[in-house]
Amino acid sequence: MNKFDSNLVDRFFAHDYHDRGVMKWQGYYLSDHTSALNQESKNNNMRIKQITPAKMSRSDITAAINYAIIKSLPVTIYLNVRDIDFQFHRPLTGKILGYEDNNLYIGDEGFVELDQIRALIVSLPE
């Protein structure tokens, strides 16, 4: 059986061992943390650069909806809804696949209430 030498252990920790503290753990979360910060920065830059068109009248929105449905063209919808930072939500894009009462059904985006639409831009064919 090996004997345990406490003096050797004390001398090792006093003179030879250097605890790096948090540095030894940074590699585990640094890449995730960095990518999260980059994504947040990208989102903030997109919000700053976001140009929101002027609010359209209800009749102009209705005319644009009718034109997009008749011509089967995709639309970009800017909502009149802001987030907690008072920034407008990202625009929704897609084809108008249907409507029900006061809601439009936009492709993968789902239903959008007509009252929430700030502007609706019809994408013209190329």
Protein backbone atom coordinates (compact mmCIF):
# COMPACT_ATOMS: atom_id res chain seq x y z
CA MET A 1 0.00 0.00 0.00
CA ASN A 2 1.33 3.46 -0.97
CA LYS A 3 1.60 6.04 1.75
CA PHE A 4 0.10 9.44 1.19
CA ASP A 5 2.63 12.29 1.70
CA SER A 6 0.73 15.44 2.66
CA ASN A 7 3.92 17.55 2.50
CA LEU A 8 4.40 16.62 -1.14
CA VAL A 9 0.80 17.57 -1.89
CA ASP A 10 1.07 20.88 -0.02
CA ARG A 11 4.30 21.74 -1.82
CA PHE A 12 2.73 20.89 -5.20
CA PHE A 13 -0.28 23.17 -4.66
CA ALA A 14 1.85 25.94 -3.11
CA HIS A 15 4.56 26.10 -5.80
CA ASP A 16 3.77 24.02 -8.90
CA TYR A 17 0.02 24.10 -9.52
CA HIS A 18 -1.47 27.28 -11.05
CA ASP A 19 -5.26 27.31 -11.18
CA ARG A 20 -6.45 28.99 -14.36
CA GLY A 21 -9.87 29.60 -12.83
CA VAL A 22 -12.60 30.42 -15.33
CA MET A 23 -10.19 30.33 -18.29
CA LYS A 24 -10.26 26.56 -18.44
CA TRP A 25 -14.07 26.61 -18.91
CA GLN A 26 -14.30 29.37 -21.51
CA GLY A 27 -13.79 26.99 -24.42
CA TYR A 28 -17.01 25.21 -23.56
CA TYR A 29 -19.33 28.18 -23.87
CA LEU A 30 -17.38 30.73 -25.83
CA SER A 31 -18.42 29.59 -29.31
CA ASP A 32 -22.11 29.37 -28.36
CA HIS A 33 -21.97 32.71 -26.61
CA THR A 34 -20.17 34.34 -29.52
CA SER A 35 -22.66 33.01 -32.07
CA ALA A 36 -25.56 34.25 -29.92
CA LEU A 37 -23.99 37.71 -29.70
CA ASN A 38 -23.38 37.74 -33.47
CA GLN A 39 -27.01 36.79 -34.14
CA GLU A 40 -28.26 39.49 -31.77
CA SER A 41 -26.02 42.04 -33.46
CA LYS A 42 -27.27 40.95 -36.89
CA ASN A 43 -30.89 41.29 -35.75
CA ASN A 44 -30.20 44.74 -34.31
CA ASN A 45 -28.50 45.85 -37.54
CA MET A 46 -31.44 44.58 -39.58
CA ARG A 47 -33.82 46.56 -37.38
CA ILE A 48 -31.75 49.71 -37.74
CA LYS A 49 -31.58 49.30 -41.54
CA GLN A 50 -35.24 48.31 -41.83
CA ILE A 51 -37.17 50.74 -43.97
CA THR A 52 -40.88 50.63 -43.37
CA PRO A 53 -43.14 52.15 -46.00
CA ALA A 54 -45.67 54.79 -45.10
CA LYS A 55 -49.03 53.59 -43.82
CA MET A 56 -51.39 52.81 -46.69
CA SER A 57 -55.10 53.53 -46.67
CA ARG A 58 -57.52 50.64 -46.28
CA SER A 59 -58.75 51.12 -49.87
CA ASP A 60 -55.18 51.00 -51.25
CA ILE A 61 -54.46 47.83 -49.26
CA THR A 62 -57.67 46.23 -50.54
CA ALA A 63 -56.84 47.18 -54.14
CA ALA A 64 -53.34 45.71 -53.80
CA ILE A 65 -54.77 42.50 -52.30
CA ASN A 66 -57.25 42.14 -55.16
CA TYR A 67 -54.52 42.73 -57.76
CA ALA A 68 -52.20 40.18 -56.10
CA ILE A 69 -54.96 37.56 -55.96
CA ILE A 70 -56.07 38.09 -59.58
CA LYS A 71 -52.50 38.02 -60.95
CA SER A 72 -51.33 35.33 -58.47
CA LEU A 73 -48.36 37.46 -57.41
CA PRO A 74 -46.43 37.31 -54.14
CA VAL A 75 -46.75 40.16 -51.67
CA THR A 76 -44.68 41.73 -48.93
CA ILE A 77 -46.74 42.73 -45.93
CA TYR A 78 -45.51 45.26 -43.41
CA LEU A 79 -47.38 44.98 -40.13
CA ASN A 80 -48.33 47.93 -37.98
CA VAL A 81 -47.13 45.99 -34.92
CA ARG A 82 -44.04 46.89 -32.89
CA ASP A 83 -41.94 44.82 -30.52
CA ILE A 84 -40.81 45.83 -27.03
CA ASP A 85 -38.01 47.94 -28.57
CA PHE A 86 -40.62 49.88 -30.61
CA GLN A 87 -39.30 48.35 -33.84
CA PHE A 88 -41.68 47.08 -36.51
CA HIS A 89 -41.85 43.32 -36.95
CA ARG A 90 -40.10 41.84 -39.97
CA PRO A 91 -42.14 41.98 -43.17
CA LEU A 92 -44.04 38.85 -44.22
CA THR A 93 -43.70 37.58 -47.75
CA GLY A 94 -45.60 35.02 -49.78
CA LYS A 95 -48.62 34.51 -51.97
CA ILE A 96 -52.12 35.20 -50.72
CA LEU A 97 -53.64 31.72 -50.63
CA GLY A 98 -57.01 32.71 -49.26
CA TYR A 99 -58.97 34.88 -46.89
CA GLU A 100 -61.59 34.51 -44.21
CA ASP A 101 -63.52 37.39 -42.65
CA ASN A 102 -60.85 39.94 -41.67
CA ASN A 103 -57.84 37.63 -42.20
CA LEU A 104 -55.55 36.87 -45.13
CA TYR A 105 -53.82 33.52 -45.42
CA ILE A 106 -50.25 34.10 -46.59
CA GLY A 107 -48.25 31.01 -47.67
CA ASP A 108 -45.98 29.77 -44.88
CA GLU A 109 -46.67 32.83 -42.71
CA GLY A 110 -50.23 31.89 -41.75
CA PHE A 111 -53.09 34.28 -41.09
CA VAL A 112 -52.67 38.05 -40.98
CA GLU A 113 -55.41 40.40 -39.77
CA LEU A 114 -56.25 43.18 -42.23
CA ASP A 115 -56.30 45.70 -39.37
CA GLN A 116 -52.63 44.94 -38.59
CA ILE A 117 -51.39 45.66 -42.12
CA ARG A 118 -49.41 48.89 -42.41
CA ALA A 119 -48.49 48.45 -46.08
CA LEU A 120 -48.83 45.72 -48.69
CA ILE A 121 -46.44 45.70 -51.63
CA VAL A 122 -47.18 43.46 -54.63
CA SER A 123 -44.07 41.92 -56.21
CA LEU A 124 -44.24 42.52 -59.92
CA PRO A 125 -43.27 39.72 -62.32
CA GLU A 126 -39.78 39.91 -63.76
